[in-house]
Amino acid sequence: MFEDPIVEEVRRVRQEYARRFNYDLHAIAADLRKQEQDHPERLVSFPPKSPRKSKHARAL
């Protein structure tokens, strides 16, 4: 099976990051929230999309 070096690197980094917090999801989430606050310029947000009307939608 083909092994992609980029995928392997992402998996390795993810594993190391989780290990830093003893695989505690609450601690990981808290760290991510802190990073968001410390670096708001790295966040991307888009305006909400308006719902599309389907051609097949039935009128009530």
PDB file of N, CA and C in Angstrom:
ATOM      1  N   MET A   1       0.835  -1.174   0.000  1.00  0.00           N
ATOM      2  CA  MET A   1       0.000   0.000   0.000  1.00  0.00           C
ATOM      3  C   MET A   1       0.885   1.244   0.000  1.00  0.00           C
ATOM      4  N   PHE A   2       0.453   2.256  -0.736  1.00  0.00           N
ATOM      5  CA  PHE A   2       1.197   3.507  -0.847  1.00  0.00           C
ATOM      6  C   PHE A   2       1.143   4.275   0.471  1.00  0.00           C
ATOM      7  N   GLU A   3       2.276   4.748   0.930  1.00  0.00           N
ATOM      8  CA  GLU A   3       2.333   5.559   2.142  1.00  0.00           C
ATOM      9  C   GLU A   3       2.693   6.984   1.760  1.00  0.00           C
ATOM     10  N   ASP A   4       1.797   7.889   2.049  1.00  0.00           N
ATOM     11  CA  ASP A   4       1.987   9.295   1.723  1.00  0.00           C
ATOM     12  C   ASP A   4       2.770   9.952   2.856  1.00  0.00           C
ATOM     13  N   PRO A   5       3.925  10.538   2.565  1.00  0.00           N
ATOM     14  CA  PRO A   5       4.731  11.142   3.632  1.00  0.00           C
ATOM     15  C   PRO A   5       4.022  12.312   4.319  1.00  0.00           C
ATOM     16  N   ILE A   6       3.189  13.029   3.603  1.00  0.00           N
ATOM     17  CA  ILE A   6       2.467  14.148   4.214  1.00  0.00           C
ATOM     18  C   ILE A   6       1.444  13.625   5.214  1.00  0.00           C
ATOM     19  N   VAL A   7       0.724  12.588   4.830  1.00  0.00           N
ATOM     20  CA  VAL A   7      -0.261  11.992   5.738  1.00  0.00           C
ATOM     21  C   VAL A   7       0.449  11.441   6.969  1.00  0.00           C
ATOM     22  N   GLU A   8       1.577  10.805   6.770  1.00  0.00           N
ATOM     23  CA  GLU A   8       2.334  10.263   7.897  1.00  0.00           C
ATOM     24  C   GLU A   8       2.792  11.377   8.839  1.00  0.00           C
ATOM     25  N   GLU A   9       3.221  12.496   8.277  1.00  0.00           N
ATOM     26  CA  GLU A   9       3.651  13.619   9.112  1.00  0.00           C
ATOM     27  C   GLU A   9       2.482  14.185   9.910  1.00  0.00           C
ATOM     28  N   VAL A  10       1.333  14.342   9.266  1.00  0.00           N
ATOM     29  CA  VAL A  10       0.150  14.857   9.959  1.00  0.00           C
ATOM     30  C   VAL A  10      -0.233  13.927  11.102  1.00  0.00           C
ATOM     31  N   ARG A  11      -0.207  12.646  10.858  1.00  0.00           N
ATOM     32  CA  ARG A  11      -0.546  11.678  11.907  1.00  0.00           C
ATOM     33  C   ARG A  11       0.447  11.733  13.059  1.00  0.00           C
ATOM     34  N   ARG A  12       1.722  11.879  12.728  1.00  0.00           N
ATOM     35  CA  ARG A  12       2.752  11.951  13.764  1.00  0.00           C
ATOM     36  C   ARG A  12       2.561  13.202  14.619  1.00  0.00           C
ATOM     37  N   VAL A  13       2.337  14.338  13.972  1.00  0.00           N
ATOM     38  CA  VAL A  13       2.160  15.597  14.700  1.00  0.00           C
ATOM     39  C   VAL A  13       0.901  15.541  15.555  1.00  0.00           C
ATOM     40  N   ARG A  14      -0.171  14.973  15.007  1.00  0.00           N
ATOM     41  CA  ARG A  14      -1.421  14.840  15.770  1.00  0.00           C
ATOM     42  C   ARG A  14      -1.193  13.977  17.004  1.00  0.00           C
ATOM     43  N   GLN A  15      -0.470  12.896  16.845  1.00  0.00           N
ATOM     44  CA  GLN A  15      -0.186  11.998  17.964  1.00  0.00           C
ATOM     45  C   GLN A  15       0.646  12.703  19.033  1.00  0.00           C
ATOM     46  N   GLU A  16       1.649  13.452  18.613  1.00  0.00           N
ATOM     47  CA  GLU A  16       2.493  14.183  19.560  1.00  0.00           C
ATOM     48  C   GLU A  16       1.682  15.244  20.304  1.00  0.00           C
ATOM     49  N   TYR A  17       0.808  15.922  19.580  1.00  0.00           N
ATOM     50  CA  TYR A  17      -0.031  16.962  20.195  1.00  0.00           C
ATOM     51  C   TYR A  17      -0.959  16.343  21.238  1.00  0.00           C
ATOM     52  N   ALA A  18      -1.597  15.249  20.899  1.00  0.00           N
ATOM     53  CA  ALA A  18      -2.494  14.576  21.842  1.00  0.00           C
ATOM     54  C   ALA A  18      -1.717  14.061  23.054  1.00  0.00           C
ATOM     55  N   ARG A  19      -0.538  13.552  22.826  1.00  0.00           N
ATOM     56  CA  ARG A  19       0.283  13.030  23.924  1.00  0.00           C
ATOM     57  C   ARG A  19       0.649  14.138  24.910  1.00  0.00           C
ATOM     58  N   ARG A  20       0.857  15.366  24.398  1.00  0.00           N
ATOM     59  CA  ARG A  20       1.188  16.501  25.279  1.00  0.00           C
ATOM     60  C   ARG A  20       0.121  16.722  26.336  1.00  0.00           C
ATOM     61  N   PHE A  21      -1.109  16.354  26.026  1.00  0.00           N
ATOM     62  CA  PHE A  21      -2.231  16.569  26.940  1.00  0.00           C
ATOM     63  C   PHE A  21      -2.747  15.253  27.517  1.00  0.00           C
ATOM     64  N   ASN A  22      -1.922  14.222  27.423  1.00  0.00           N
ATOM     65  CA  ASN A  22      -2.287  12.908  27.949  1.00  0.00           C
ATOM     66  C   ASN A  22      -3.609  12.426  27.342  1.00  0.00           C
ATOM     67  N   TYR A  23      -3.824  12.778  26.088  1.00  0.00           N
ATOM     68  CA  TYR A  23      -5.006  12.361  25.313  1.00  0.00           C
ATOM     69  C   TYR A  23      -6.321  12.835  25.941  1.00  0.00           C
ATOM     70  N   ASP A  24      -6.252  13.907  26.729  1.00  0.00           N
ATOM     71  CA  ASP A  24      -7.435  14.466  27.392  1.00  0.00           C
ATOM     72  C   ASP A  24      -8.104  15.460  26.439  1.00  0.00           C
ATOM     73  N   LEU A  25      -9.285  15.096  25.935  1.00  0.00           N
ATOM     74  CA  LEU A  25      -9.962  15.942  24.951  1.00  0.00           C
ATOM     75  C   LEU A  25     -10.326  17.310  25.514  1.00  0.00           C
ATOM     76  N   HIS A  26     -10.676  17.374  26.789  1.00  0.00           N
ATOM     77  CA  HIS A  26     -11.006  18.669  27.392  1.00  0.00           C
ATOM     78  C   HIS A  26      -9.774  19.578  27.413  1.00  0.00           C
ATOM     79  N   ALA A  27      -8.628  19.020  27.735  1.00  0.00           N
ATOM     80  CA  ALA A  27      -7.391  19.803  27.760  1.00  0.00           C
ATOM     81  C   ALA A  27      -6.991  20.225  26.346  1.00  0.00           C
ATOM     82  N   ILE A  28      -7.174  19.346  25.394  1.00  0.00           N
ATOM     83  CA  ILE A  28      -6.858  19.675  23.998  1.00  0.00           C
ATOM     84  C   ILE A  28      -7.762  20.808  23.518  1.00  0.00           C
ATOM     85  N   ALA A  29      -9.060  20.705  23.805  1.00  0.00           N
ATOM     86  CA  ALA A  29     -10.002  21.744  23.388  1.00  0.00           C
ATOM     87  C   ALA A  29      -9.674  23.073  24.059  1.00  0.00           C
ATOM     88  N   ALA A  30      -9.305  23.037  25.328  1.00  0.00           N
ATOM     89  CA  ALA A  30      -8.940  24.266  26.033  1.00  0.00           C
ATOM     90  C   ALA A  30      -7.711  24.904  25.394  1.00  0.00           C
ATOM     91  N   ASP A  31      -6.750  24.090  25.017  1.00  0.00           N
ATOM     92  CA  ASP A  31      -5.551  24.615  24.364  1.00  0.00           C
ATOM     93  C   ASP A  31      -5.897  25.233  23.011  1.00  0.00           C
ATOM     94  N   LEU A  32      -6.767  24.586  22.272  1.00  0.00           N
ATOM     95  CA  LEU A  32      -7.164  25.136  20.971  1.00  0.00           C
ATOM     96  C   LEU A  32      -7.900  26.462  21.139  1.00  0.00           C
ATOM     97  N   ARG A  33      -8.767  26.552  22.153  1.00  0.00           N
ATOM     98  CA  ARG A  33      -9.461  27.821  22.412  1.00  0.00           C
ATOM     99  C   ARG A  33      -8.458  28.917  22.779  1.00  0.00           C
ATOM    100  N   LYS A  34      -7.450  28.559  23.575  1.00  0.00           N
ATOM    101  CA  LYS A  34      -6.421  29.535  23.958  1.00  0.00           C
ATOM    102  C   LYS A  34      -5.651  29.993  22.722  1.00  0.00           C
ATOM    103  N   GLN A  35      -5.330  29.068  21.840  1.00  0.00           N
ATOM    104  CA  GLN A  35      -4.622  29.436  20.616  1.00  0.00           C
ATOM    105  C   GLN A  35      -5.469  30.360  19.749  1.00  0.00           C
ATOM    106  N   GLU A  36      -6.775  30.114  19.716  1.00  0.00           N
ATOM    107  CA  GLU A  36      -7.670  30.991  18.955  1.00  0.00           C
ATOM    108  C   GLU A  36      -7.647  32.405  19.526  1.00  0.00           C
ATOM    109  N   GLN A  37      -7.642  32.511  20.849  1.00  0.00           N
ATOM    110  CA  GLN A  37      -7.612  33.832  21.487  1.00  0.00           C
ATOM    111  C   GLN A  37      -6.262  34.511  21.283  1.00  0.00           C
ATOM    112  N   ASP A  38      -5.194  33.737  21.359  1.00  0.00           N
ATOM    113  CA  ASP A  38      -3.850  34.296  21.216  1.00  0.00           C
ATOM    114  C   ASP A  38      -3.540  34.711  19.780  1.00  0.00           C
ATOM    115  N   HIS A  39      -4.185  34.070  18.810  1.00  0.00           N
ATOM    116  CA  HIS A  39      -3.880  34.320  17.401  1.00  0.00           C
ATOM    117  C   HIS A  39      -5.162  34.457  16.576  1.00  0.00           C
ATOM    118  N   PRO A  40      -5.952  35.500  16.816  1.00  0.00           N
ATOM    119  CA  PRO A  40      -7.209  35.640  16.072  1.00  0.00           C
ATOM    120  C   PRO A  40      -6.991  35.842  14.574  1.00  0.00           C
ATOM    121  N   GLU A  41      -5.811  36.290  14.188  1.00  0.00           N
ATOM    122  CA  GLU A  41      -5.530  36.499  12.762  1.00  0.00           C
ATOM    123  C   GLU A  41      -5.462  35.182  11.991  1.00  0.00           C
ATOM    124  N   ARG A  42      -5.346  34.081  12.690  1.00  0.00           N
ATOM    125  CA  ARG A  42      -5.274  32.776  12.032  1.00  0.00           C
ATOM    126  C   ARG A  42      -6.647  32.154  11.797  1.00  0.00           C
ATOM    127  N   LEU A  43      -7.684  32.769  12.337  1.00  0.00           N
ATOM    128  CA  LEU A  43      -9.031  32.220  12.195  1.00  0.00           C
ATOM    129  C   LEU A  43      -9.663  32.698  10.898  1.00  0.00           C
ATOM    130  N   VAL A  44     -10.432  31.838  10.312  1.00  0.00           N
ATOM    131  CA  VAL A  44     -11.160  32.178   9.097  1.00  0.00           C
ATOM    132  C   VAL A  44     -12.636  31.996   9.385  1.00  0.00           C
ATOM    133  N   SER A  45     -13.415  32.993   9.034  1.00  0.00           N
ATOM    134  CA  SER A  45     -14.860  32.844   9.195  1.00  0.00           C
ATOM    135  C   SER A  45     -15.536  33.370   7.936  1.00  0.00           C
ATOM    136  N   PHE A  46     -16.616  32.757   7.611  1.00  0.00           N
ATOM    137  CA  PHE A  46     -17.376  33.117   6.432  1.00  0.00           C
ATOM    138  C   PHE A  46     -18.782  33.498   6.857  1.00  0.00           C
ATOM    139  N   PRO A  47     -19.422  34.394   6.112  1.00  0.00           N
ATOM    140  CA  PRO A  47     -20.810  34.703   6.444  1.00  0.00           C
ATOM    141  C   PRO A  47     -21.679  33.471   6.210  1.00  0.00           C
ATOM    142  N   PRO A  48     -22.759  33.341   6.966  1.00  0.00           N
ATOM    143  CA  PRO A  48     -23.616  32.169   6.771  1.00  0.00           C
ATOM    144  C   PRO A  48     -24.230  32.173   5.377  1.00  0.00           C
ATOM    145  N   LYS A  49     -24.382  30.992   4.842  1.00  0.00           N
ATOM    146  CA  LYS A  49     -24.993  30.863   3.521  1.00  0.00           C
ATOM    147  C   LYS A  49     -26.501  30.925   3.664  1.00  0.00           C
ATOM    148  N   SER A  50     -27.126  31.575   2.713  1.00  0.00           N
ATOM    149  CA  SER A  50     -28.584  31.593   2.743  1.00  0.00           C
ATOM    150  C   SER A  50     -29.094  30.290   2.139  1.00  0.00           C
ATOM    151  N   PRO A  51     -30.198  29.789   2.652  1.00  0.00           N
ATOM    152  CA  PRO A  51     -30.708  28.517   2.138  1.00  0.00           C
ATOM    153  C   PRO A  51     -31.137  28.648   0.682  1.00  0.00           C
ATOM    154  N   ARG A  52     -30.871  27.619  -0.069  1.00  0.00           N
ATOM    155  CA  ARG A  52     -31.276  27.599  -1.474  1.00  0.00           C
ATOM    156  C   ARG A  52     -32.647  26.972  -1.591  1.00  0.00           C
ATOM    157  N   LYS A  53     -33.405  27.480  -2.504  1.00  0.00           N
ATOM    158  CA  LYS A  53     -34.707  26.873  -2.758  1.00  0.00           C
ATOM    159  C   LYS A  53     -34.518  25.751  -3.761  1.00  0.00           C
ATOM    160  N   SER A  54     -35.055  24.634  -3.422  1.00  0.00           N
ATOM    161  CA  SER A  54     -34.958  23.473  -4.293  1.00  0.00           C
ATOM    162  C   SER A  54     -36.044  23.536  -5.357  1.00  0.00           C
ATOM    163  N   LYS A  55     -35.715  23.067  -6.538  1.00  0.00           N
ATOM    164  CA  LYS A  55     -36.706  23.009  -7.610  1.00  0.00           C
ATOM    165  C   LYS A  55     -37.824  22.035  -7.261  1.00  0.00           C
ATOM    166  N   HIS A  56     -37.499  21.097  -6.398  1.00  0.00           N
ATOM    167  CA  HIS A  56     -38.444  20.042  -6.065  1.00  0.00           C
ATOM    168  C   HIS A  56     -39.150  20.269  -4.734  1.00  0.00           C
ATOM    169  N   ALA A  57     -38.937  21.423  -4.135  1.00  0.00           N
ATOM    170  CA  ALA A  57     -39.580  21.693  -2.846  1.00  0.00           C
ATOM    171  C   ALA A  57     -41.078  21.880  -3.049  1.00  0.00           C
ATOM    172  N   ARG A  58     -41.838  21.320  -2.136  1.00  0.00           N
ATOM    173  CA  ARG A  58     -43.293  21.437  -2.230  1.00  0.00           C
ATOM    174  C   ARG A  58     -43.770  22.607  -1.383  1.00  0.00           C
ATOM    175  N   ALA A  59     -44.753  23.295  -1.874  1.00  0.00           N
ATOM    176  CA  ALA A  59     -45.355  24.387  -1.114  1.00  0.00           C
ATOM    177  C   ALA A  59     -46.266  23.796  -0.055  1.00  0.00           C
ATOM    178  N   LEU A  60     -46.301  24.434   1.085  1.00  0.00           N
ATOM    179  CA  LEU A  60     -47.165  23.954   2.170  1.00  0.00           C
ATOM    180  C   LEU A  60     -48.548  24.506   2.048  1.00  0.00           C
TER     181      LEU A  60
END
